[in-house]
């Protein structure tokens, strides 16, 4: 993923909504030098990936998947012994 790099951080453009008093549309106007990766289900946790973790889809979050990993797998001690021949 790539971060958005704005030229003017926080800058927005307000456009009055016709026929609605004190109502405006807000659009980013930060002129990014790098747009970055959009935050969406497609970039964070696709349904296909959710199904791999949980066996089905139910609009779970990345946090749900990390929790599953953390509660399913525990730390283990691994010991390797090598009895290779040599001269």
PDB file of N, CA and C in Angstrom:
ATOM      1  N   UNK A   1       0.852  -1.180   0.000  1.00  0.00           N
ATOM      2  CA  UNK A   1       0.000   0.000   0.000  1.00  0.00           C
ATOM      3  C   UNK A   1       0.888   1.231   0.000  1.00  0.00           C
ATOM      4  N   UNK A   2       0.384   2.284  -0.598  1.00  0.00           N
ATOM      5  CA  UNK A   2       1.107   3.549  -0.631  1.00  0.00           C
ATOM      6  C   UNK A   2       0.302   4.622   0.084  1.00  0.00           C
ATOM      7  N   UNK A   3       1.000   5.454   0.842  1.00  0.00           N
ATOM      8  CA  UNK A   3       0.364   6.583   1.516  1.00  0.00           C
ATOM      9  C   UNK A   3       0.065   7.694   0.518  1.00  0.00           C
ATOM     10  N   UNK A   4      -0.966   8.458   0.796  1.00  0.00           N
ATOM     11  CA  UNK A   4      -1.255   9.667   0.029  1.00  0.00           C
ATOM     12  C   UNK A   4      -0.275  10.737   0.498  1.00  0.00           C
ATOM     13  N   UNK A   5       0.339  11.440  -0.443  1.00  0.00           N
ATOM     14  CA  UNK A   5       1.269  12.512  -0.101  1.00  0.00           C
ATOM     15  C   UNK A   5       0.696  13.817  -0.641  1.00  0.00           C
ATOM     16  N   UNK A   6       0.024  14.598   0.219  1.00  0.00           N
ATOM     17  CA  UNK A   6      -0.602  15.835  -0.237  1.00  0.00           C
ATOM     18  C   UNK A   6       0.407  16.977  -0.343  1.00  0.00           C
ATOM     19  N   UNK A   7       0.210  17.821  -1.347  1.00  0.00           N
ATOM     20  CA  UNK A   7       1.006  19.045  -1.456  1.00  0.00           C
ATOM     21  C   UNK A   7       0.498  20.056  -0.437  1.00  0.00           C
ATOM     22  N   UNK A   8      -0.826  20.079  -0.250  1.00  0.00           N
ATOM     23  CA  UNK A   8      -1.471  20.986   0.707  1.00  0.00           C
ATOM     24  C   UNK A   8      -2.316  20.158   1.679  1.00  0.00           C
ATOM     25  N   UNK A   9      -1.701  19.618   2.734  1.00  0.00           N
ATOM     26  CA  UNK A   9      -2.427  18.737   3.658  1.00  0.00           C
ATOM     27  C   UNK A   9      -3.685  19.390   4.242  1.00  0.00           C
ATOM     28  N   UNK A  10      -4.778  18.648   4.207  1.00  0.00           N
ATOM     29  CA  UNK A  10      -6.019  19.113   4.816  1.00  0.00           C
ATOM     30  C   UNK A  10      -6.849  20.066   3.972  1.00  0.00           C
ATOM     31  N   UNK A  11      -6.343  20.500   2.829  1.00  0.00           N
ATOM     32  CA  UNK A  11      -7.085  21.463   2.007  1.00  0.00           C
ATOM     33  C   UNK A  11      -8.281  20.777   1.357  1.00  0.00           C
ATOM     34  N   UNK A  12      -9.428  21.439   1.434  1.00  0.00           N
ATOM     35  CA  UNK A  12     -10.655  20.945   0.806  1.00  0.00           C
ATOM     36  C   UNK A  12     -11.332  22.079   0.049  1.00  0.00           C
ATOM     37  N   UNK A  13     -12.235  21.712  -0.854  1.00  0.00           N
ATOM     38  CA  UNK A  13     -13.034  22.693  -1.588  1.00  0.00           C
ATOM     39  C   UNK A  13     -14.487  22.482  -1.194  1.00  0.00           C
ATOM     40  N   UNK A  14     -15.159  23.568  -0.808  1.00  0.00           N
ATOM     41  CA  UNK A  14     -16.578  23.519  -0.454  1.00  0.00           C
ATOM     42  C   UNK A  14     -17.385  24.129  -1.582  1.00  0.00           C
ATOM     43  N   UNK A  15     -18.393  23.412  -2.038  1.00  0.00           N
ATOM     44  CA  UNK A  15     -19.270  23.902  -3.093  1.00  0.00           C
ATOM     45  C   UNK A  15     -20.697  23.892  -2.564  1.00  0.00           C
ATOM     46  N   UNK A  16     -21.381  25.053  -2.592  1.00  0.00           N
ATOM     47  CA  UNK A  16     -22.764  25.093  -2.103  1.00  0.00           C
ATOM     48  C   UNK A  16     -23.663  24.132  -2.888  1.00  0.00           C
ATOM     49  N   UNK A  17     -24.552  23.446  -2.170  1.00  0.00           N
ATOM     50  CA  UNK A  17     -25.519  22.556  -2.802  1.00  0.00           C
ATOM     51  C   UNK A  17     -26.736  23.392  -3.166  1.00  0.00           C
ATOM     52  N   UNK A  18     -27.068  23.398  -4.430  1.00  0.00           N
ATOM     53  CA  UNK A  18     -28.173  24.211  -4.935  1.00  0.00           C
ATOM     54  C   UNK A  18     -29.491  23.844  -4.257  1.00  0.00           C
ATOM     55  N   UNK A  19     -30.176  24.854  -3.734  1.00  0.00           N
ATOM     56  CA  UNK A  19     -31.485  24.659  -3.126  1.00  0.00           C
ATOM     57  C   UNK A  19     -31.451  24.164  -1.690  1.00  0.00           C
ATOM     58  N   UNK A  20     -30.263  24.016  -1.097  1.00  0.00           N
ATOM     59  CA  UNK A  20     -30.163  23.544   0.287  1.00  0.00           C
ATOM     60  C   UNK A  20     -29.319  24.526   1.088  1.00  0.00           C
ATOM     61  N   UNK A  21     -29.993  25.279   1.925  1.00  0.00           N
ATOM     62  CA  UNK A  21     -29.330  26.304   2.716  1.00  0.00           C
ATOM     63  C   UNK A  21     -28.278  25.696   3.646  1.00  0.00           C
ATOM     64  N   UNK A  22     -27.120  26.333   3.702  1.00  0.00           N
ATOM     65  CA  UNK A  22     -26.017  25.934   4.584  1.00  0.00           C
ATOM     66  C   UNK A  22     -25.566  24.486   4.387  1.00  0.00           C
ATOM     67  N   UNK A  23     -25.686  23.981   3.151  1.00  0.00           N
ATOM     68  CA  UNK A  23     -25.246  22.623   2.841  1.00  0.00           C
ATOM     69  C   UNK A  23     -24.229  22.687   1.710  1.00  0.00           C
ATOM     70  N   UNK A  24     -23.112  21.991   1.910  1.00  0.00           N
ATOM     71  CA  UNK A  24     -22.011  22.062   0.953  1.00  0.00           C
ATOM     72  C   UNK A  24     -21.498  20.668   0.624  1.00  0.00           C
ATOM     73  N   UNK A  25     -21.024  20.519  -0.600  1.00  0.00           N
ATOM     74  CA  UNK A  25     -20.273  19.323  -0.969  1.00  0.00           C
ATOM     75  C   UNK A  25     -18.810  19.611  -0.665  1.00  0.00           C
ATOM     76  N   UNK A  26     -18.128  18.641  -0.086  1.00  0.00           N
ATOM     77  CA  UNK A  26     -16.731  18.781   0.286  1.00  0.00           C
ATOM     78  C   UNK A  26     -15.898  17.831  -0.572  1.00  0.00           C
ATOM     79  N   UNK A  27     -14.858  18.367  -1.201  1.00  0.00           N
ATOM     80  CA  UNK A  27     -13.977  17.573  -2.049  1.00  0.00           C
ATOM     81  C   UNK A  27     -12.535  17.865  -1.651  1.00  0.00           C
ATOM     82  N   UNK A  28     -11.709  16.853  -1.607  1.00  0.00           N
ATOM     83  CA  UNK A  28     -10.289  17.072  -1.320  1.00  0.00           C
ATOM     84  C   UNK A  28      -9.691  18.003  -2.373  1.00  0.00           C
ATOM     85  N   UNK A  29      -8.871  18.930  -1.918  1.00  0.00           N
ATOM     86  CA  UNK A  29      -8.165  19.838  -2.823  1.00  0.00           C
ATOM     87  C   UNK A  29      -6.703  19.934  -2.396  1.00  0.00           C
ATOM     88  N   UNK A  30      -6.169  18.828  -1.925  1.00  0.00           N
ATOM     89  CA  UNK A  30      -4.809  18.825  -1.374  1.00  0.00           C
ATOM     90  C   UNK A  30      -3.719  18.625  -2.420  1.00  0.00           C
ATOM     91  N   UNK A  31      -4.103  18.461  -3.675  1.00  0.00           N
ATOM     92  CA  UNK A  31      -3.173  18.294  -4.795  1.00  0.00           C
ATOM     93  C   UNK A  31      -2.045  17.321  -4.448  1.00  0.00           C
ATOM     94  N   UNK A  32      -2.366  16.042  -4.325  1.00  0.00           N
ATOM     95  CA  UNK A  32      -1.351  15.077  -3.905  1.00  0.00           C
ATOM     96  C   UNK A  32      -0.268  14.864  -4.962  1.00  0.00           C
ATOM     97  N   UNK A  33       0.966  14.734  -4.497  1.00  0.00           N
ATOM     98  CA  UNK A  33       2.053  14.361  -5.405  1.00  0.00           C
ATOM     99  C   UNK A  33       2.030  12.849  -5.619  1.00  0.00           C
ATOM    100  N   UNK A  34       1.401  12.134  -4.693  1.00  0.00           N
ATOM    101  CA  UNK A  34       1.164  10.698  -4.821  1.00  0.00           C
ATOM    102  C   UNK A  34      -0.232  10.428  -4.270  1.00  0.00           C
ATOM    103  N   UNK A  35      -1.106   9.894  -5.104  1.00  0.00           N
ATOM    104  CA  UNK A  35      -2.499   9.674  -4.710  1.00  0.00           C
ATOM    105  C   UNK A  35      -2.609   8.627  -3.609  1.00  0.00           C
ATOM    106  N   UNK A  36      -1.775   7.612  -3.651  1.00  0.00           N
ATOM    107  CA  UNK A  36      -1.825   6.565  -2.636  1.00  0.00           C
ATOM    108  C   UNK A  36      -2.871   5.514  -2.950  1.00  0.00           C
ATOM    109  N   UNK A  37      -2.854   4.466  -2.171  1.00  0.00           N
ATOM    110  CA  UNK A  37      -3.792   3.363  -2.333  1.00  0.00           C
ATOM    111  C   UNK A  37      -5.103   3.719  -1.640  1.00  0.00           C
ATOM    112  N   UNK A  38      -6.224   3.623  -2.347  1.00  0.00           N
ATOM    113  CA  UNK A  38      -7.497   3.943  -1.702  1.00  0.00           C
ATOM    114  C   UNK A  38      -7.834   2.933  -0.602  1.00  0.00           C
ATOM    115  N   UNK A  39      -8.460   3.425   0.459  1.00  0.00           N
ATOM    116  CA  UNK A  39      -8.901   2.537   1.532  1.00  0.00           C
ATOM    117  C   UNK A  39     -10.259   1.968   1.156  1.00  0.00           C
ATOM    118  N   UNK A  40     -10.297   0.673   0.966  1.00  0.00           N
ATOM    119  CA  UNK A  40     -11.545   0.013   0.592  1.00  0.00           C
ATOM    120  C   UNK A  40     -11.436  -1.467   0.937  1.00  0.00           C
ATOM    121  N   UNK A  41     -12.531  -2.154   0.846  1.00  0.00           N
ATOM    122  CA  UNK A  41     -12.530  -3.591   1.080  1.00  0.00           C
ATOM    123  C   UNK A  41     -11.588  -4.284   0.104  1.00  0.00           C
ATOM    124  N   UNK A  42     -11.556  -3.799  -1.132  1.00  0.00           N
ATOM    125  CA  UNK A  42     -10.716  -4.425  -2.154  1.00  0.00           C
ATOM    126  C   UNK A  42      -9.232  -4.344  -1.825  1.00  0.00           C
ATOM    127  N   UNK A  43      -8.816  -3.307  -1.090  1.00  0.00           N
ATOM    128  CA  UNK A  43      -7.395  -3.174  -0.767  1.00  0.00           C
ATOM    129  C   UNK A  43      -7.058  -3.653   0.638  1.00  0.00           C
ATOM    130  N   UNK A  44      -8.034  -3.774   1.516  1.00  0.00           N
ATOM    131  CA  UNK A  44      -7.751  -4.160   2.898  1.00  0.00           C
ATOM    132  C   UNK A  44      -8.077  -5.613   3.222  1.00  0.00           C
ATOM    133  N   UNK A  45      -9.240  -6.085   2.795  1.00  0.00           N
ATOM    134  CA  UNK A  45      -9.654  -7.435   3.184  1.00  0.00           C
ATOM    135  C   UNK A  45     -10.720  -7.931   2.214  1.00  0.00           C
ATOM    136  N   UNK A  46     -10.271  -8.464   1.089  1.00  0.00           N
ATOM    137  CA  UNK A  46     -11.184  -8.940   0.055  1.00  0.00           C
ATOM    138  C   UNK A  46     -12.046 -10.086   0.584  1.00  0.00           C
ATOM    139  N   UNK A  47     -13.255 -10.227   0.064  1.00  0.00           N
ATOM    140  CA  UNK A  47     -14.106 -11.347   0.473  1.00  0.00           C
ATOM    141  C   UNK A  47     -13.427 -12.705   0.261  1.00  0.00           C
ATOM    142  N   UNK A  48     -12.639 -12.823  -0.805  1.00  0.00           N
ATOM    143  CA  UNK A  48     -11.947 -14.081  -1.071  1.00  0.00           C
ATOM    144  C   UNK A  48     -10.969 -14.411   0.059  1.00  0.00           C
ATOM    145  N   UNK A  49     -10.279 -13.390   0.554  1.00  0.00           N
ATOM    146  CA  UNK A  49      -9.332 -13.582   1.653  1.00  0.00           C
ATOM    147  C   UNK A  49     -10.081 -13.907   2.940  1.00  0.00           C
ATOM    148  N   UNK A  50     -11.196 -13.228   3.162  1.00  0.00           N
ATOM    149  CA  UNK A  50     -12.017 -13.504   4.347  1.00  0.00           C
ATOM    150  C   UNK A  50     -12.462 -14.966   4.353  1.00  0.00           C
ATOM    151  N   UNK A  51     -12.869 -15.469   3.198  1.00  0.00           N
ATOM    152  CA  UNK A  51     -13.324 -16.858   3.103  1.00  0.00           C
ATOM    153  C   UNK A  51     -12.191 -17.838   3.405  1.00  0.00           C
ATOM    154  N   UNK A  52     -10.959 -17.485   3.039  1.00  0.00           N
ATOM    155  CA  UNK A  52      -9.813 -18.346   3.357  1.00  0.00           C
ATOM    156  C   UNK A  52      -9.632 -18.435   4.870  1.00  0.00           C
ATOM    157  N   UNK A  53      -9.759 -17.308   5.558  1.00  0.00           N
ATOM    158  CA  UNK A  53      -9.572 -17.283   7.009  1.00  0.00           C
ATOM    159  C   UNK A  53     -10.726 -17.944   7.758  1.00  0.00           C
ATOM    160  N   UNK A  54     -11.964 -17.645   7.351  1.00  0.00           N
ATOM    161  CA  UNK A  54     -13.128 -18.018   8.158  1.00  0.00           C
ATOM    162  C   UNK A  54     -14.029 -19.085   7.528  1.00  0.00           C
ATOM    163  N   UNK A  55     -13.801 -19.429   6.271  1.00  0.00           N
ATOM    164  CA  UNK A  55     -14.631 -20.428   5.614  1.00  0.00           C
ATOM    165  C   UNK A  55     -15.875 -19.861   4.956  1.00  0.00           C
ATOM    166  N   UNK A  56     -16.178 -18.588   5.235  1.00  0.00           N
ATOM    167  CA  UNK A  56     -17.315 -17.917   4.612  1.00  0.00           C
ATOM    168  C   UNK A  56     -17.085 -16.409   4.688  1.00  0.00           C
ATOM    169  N   UNK A  57     -18.027 -15.647   4.168  1.00  0.00           N
ATOM    170  CA  UNK A  57     -17.900 -14.191   4.231  1.00  0.00           C
ATOM    171  C   UNK A  57     -19.020 -13.607   5.071  1.00  0.00           C
ATOM    172  N   UNK A  58     -18.679 -12.625   5.907  1.00  0.00           N
ATOM    173  CA  UNK A  58     -19.668 -11.970   6.767  1.00  0.00           C
ATOM    174  C   UNK A  58     -19.223 -10.545   7.100  1.00  0.00           C
ATOM    175  N   UNK A  59     -18.556  -9.894   6.140  1.00  0.00           N
ATOM    176  CA  UNK A  59     -18.098  -8.509   6.319  1.00  0.00           C
ATOM    177  C   UNK A  59     -17.206  -8.330   7.545  1.00  0.00           C
ATOM    178  N   UNK A  60     -16.307  -9.271   7.760  1.00  0.00           N
ATOM    179  CA  UNK A  60     -15.369  -9.158   8.879  1.00  0.00           C
ATOM    180  C   UNK A  60     -14.281  -8.141   8.550  1.00  0.00           C
ATOM    181  N   UNK A  61     -13.569  -7.716   9.580  1.00  0.00           N
ATOM    182  CA  UNK A  61     -12.526  -6.710   9.412  1.00  0.00           C
ATOM    183  C   UNK A  61     -11.139  -7.353   9.457  1.00  0.00           C
ATOM    184  N   UNK A  62     -10.140  -6.561   9.085  1.00  0.00           N
ATOM    185  CA  UNK A  62      -8.758  -7.016   9.201  1.00  0.00           C
ATOM    186  C   UNK A  62      -8.464  -7.360  10.659  1.00  0.00           C
ATOM    187  N   UNK A  63      -8.991  -6.571  11.578  1.00  0.00           N
ATOM    188  CA  UNK A  63      -8.794  -6.845  13.000  1.00  0.00           C
ATOM    189  C   UNK A  63      -9.340  -8.223  13.377  1.00  0.00           C
ATOM    190  N   UNK A  64     -10.480  -8.601  12.817  1.00  0.00           N
ATOM    191  CA  UNK A  64     -11.035  -9.930  13.081  1.00  0.00           C
ATOM    192  C   UNK A  64     -10.059 -11.023  12.642  1.00  0.00           C
ATOM    193  N   UNK A  65      -9.438 -10.837  11.479  1.00  0.00           N
ATOM    194  CA  UNK A  65      -8.485 -11.826  10.974  1.00  0.00           C
ATOM    195  C   UNK A  65      -7.242 -11.884  11.850  1.00  0.00           C
ATOM    196  N   UNK A  66      -6.742 -10.732  12.275  1.00  0.00           N
ATOM    197  CA  UNK A  66      -5.569 -10.709  13.148  1.00  0.00           C
ATOM    198  C   UNK A  66      -5.881 -11.354  14.494  1.00  0.00           C
ATOM    199  N   UNK A  67      -7.082 -11.118  14.999  1.00  0.00           N
ATOM    200  CA  UNK A  67      -7.498 -11.755  16.256  1.00  0.00           C
ATOM    201  C   UNK A  67      -7.524 -13.275  16.096  1.00  0.00           C
ATOM    202  N   UNK A  68      -8.058 -13.734  14.972  1.00  0.00           N
ATOM    203  CA  UNK A  68      -8.110 -15.175  14.713  1.00  0.00           C
ATOM    204  C   UNK A  68      -6.703 -15.766  14.704  1.00  0.00           C
ATOM    205  N   UNK A  69      -5.785 -15.099  14.041  1.00  0.00           N
ATOM    206  CA  UNK A  69      -4.401 -15.582  13.996  1.00  0.00           C
ATOM    207  C   UNK A  69      -3.812 -15.618  15.404  1.00  0.00           C
ATOM    208  N   UNK A  70      -4.014 -14.534  16.143  1.00  0.00           N
ATOM    209  CA  UNK A  70      -3.446 -14.441  17.484  1.00  0.00           C
ATOM    210  C   UNK A  70      -3.998 -15.446  18.471  1.00  0.00           C
ATOM    211  N   UNK A  71      -5.241 -15.847  18.291  1.00  0.00           N
ATOM    212  CA  UNK A  71      -5.847 -16.802  19.220  1.00  0.00           C
ATOM    213  C   UNK A  71      -5.740 -18.248  18.737  1.00  0.00           C
ATOM    214  N   UNK A  72      -5.372 -18.434  17.487  1.00  0.00           N
ATOM    215  CA  UNK A  72      -5.255 -19.781  16.934  1.00  0.00           C
ATOM    216  C   UNK A  72      -3.838 -20.322  17.059  1.00  0.00           C
ATOM    217  N   UNK A  73      -2.881 -19.460  16.816  1.00  0.00           N
ATOM    218  CA  UNK A  73      -1.488 -19.886  16.830  1.00  0.00           C
ATOM    219  C   UNK A  73      -0.804 -19.352  18.075  1.00  0.00           C
ATOM    220  N   UNK A  74       0.006 -20.188  18.687  1.00  0.00           N
ATOM    221  CA  UNK A  74       0.751 -19.766  19.867  1.00  0.00           C
ATOM    222  C   UNK A  74       2.243 -19.826  19.565  1.00  0.00           C
ATOM    223  N   UNK A  75       2.990 -19.107  20.354  1.00  0.00           N
ATOM    224  CA  UNK A  75       4.437 -19.121  20.184  1.00  0.00           C
ATOM    225  C   UNK A  75       4.964 -20.516  20.492  1.00  0.00           C
ATOM    226  N   UNK A  76       5.969 -20.913  19.770  1.00  0.00           N
ATOM    227  CA  UNK A  76       6.546 -22.237  19.973  1.00  0.00           C
ATOM    228  C   UNK A  76       8.065 -22.134  19.973  1.00  0.00           C
ATOM    229  N   UNK A  77       8.676 -23.066  20.649  1.00  0.00           N
ATOM    230  CA  UNK A  77      10.127 -23.136  20.642  1.00  0.00           C
ATOM    231  C   UNK A  77      10.519 -24.174  19.605  1.00  0.00           C
ATOM    232  N   UNK A  78      11.411 -23.794  18.721  1.00  0.00           N
ATOM    233  CA  UNK A  78      11.859 -24.702  17.675  1.00  0.00           C
ATOM    234  C   UNK A  78      13.327 -25.024  17.932  1.00  0.00           C
ATOM    235  N   UNK A  79      13.645 -26.303  17.930  1.00  0.00           N
ATOM    236  CA  UNK A  79      15.024 -26.730  18.129  1.00  0.00           C
ATOM    237  C   UNK A  79      15.449 -27.510  16.899  1.00  0.00           C
ATOM    238  N   UNK A  80      16.579 -27.142  16.342  1.00  0.00           N
ATOM    239  CA  UNK A  80      17.098 -27.816  15.160  1.00  0.00           C
ATOM    240  C   UNK A  80      18.413 -28.483  15.533  1.00  0.00           C
ATOM    241  N   UNK A  81      18.534 -29.758  15.200  1.00  0.00           N
ATOM    242  CA  UNK A  81      19.773 -30.499  15.435  1.00  0.00           C
ATOM    243  C   UNK A  81      20.276 -30.995  14.093  1.00  0.00           C
ATOM    244  N   UNK A  82      21.532 -30.734  13.827  1.00  0.00           N
ATOM    245  CA  UNK A  82      22.125 -31.166  12.562  1.00  0.00           C
ATOM    246  C   UNK A  82      23.203 -32.195  12.848  1.00  0.00           C
ATOM    247  N   UNK A  83      23.057 -33.359  12.298  1.00  0.00           N
ATOM    248  CA  UNK A  83      24.051 -34.422  12.451  1.00  0.00           C
ATOM    249  C   UNK A  83      24.641 -34.756  11.091  1.00  0.00           C
ATOM    250  N   UNK A  84      25.122 -33.759  10.432  1.00  0.00           N
ATOM    251  CA  UNK A  84      25.679 -33.968   9.098  1.00  0.00           C
ATOM    252  C   UNK A  84      27.084 -34.531   9.156  1.00  0.00           C
ATOM    253  N   UNK A  85      27.379 -35.338   8.180  1.00  0.00           N
ATOM    254  CA  UNK A  85      28.727 -35.885   8.091  1.00  0.00           C
ATOM    255  C   UNK A  85      29.671 -34.849   7.503  1.00  0.00           C
ATOM    256  N   UNK A  86      30.871 -35.011   7.712  1.00  0.00           N
ATOM    257  CA  UNK A  86      31.853 -34.082   7.168  1.00  0.00           C
ATOM    258  C   UNK A  86      33.249 -34.570   7.432  1.00  0.00           C
ATOM    259  N   UNK A  87      34.177 -33.938   6.828  1.00  0.00           N
ATOM    260  CA  UNK A  87      35.580 -34.309   7.021  1.00  0.00           C
ATOM    261  C   UNK A  87      36.219 -33.474   8.074  1.00  0.00           C
TER     262      UNK A  87
END
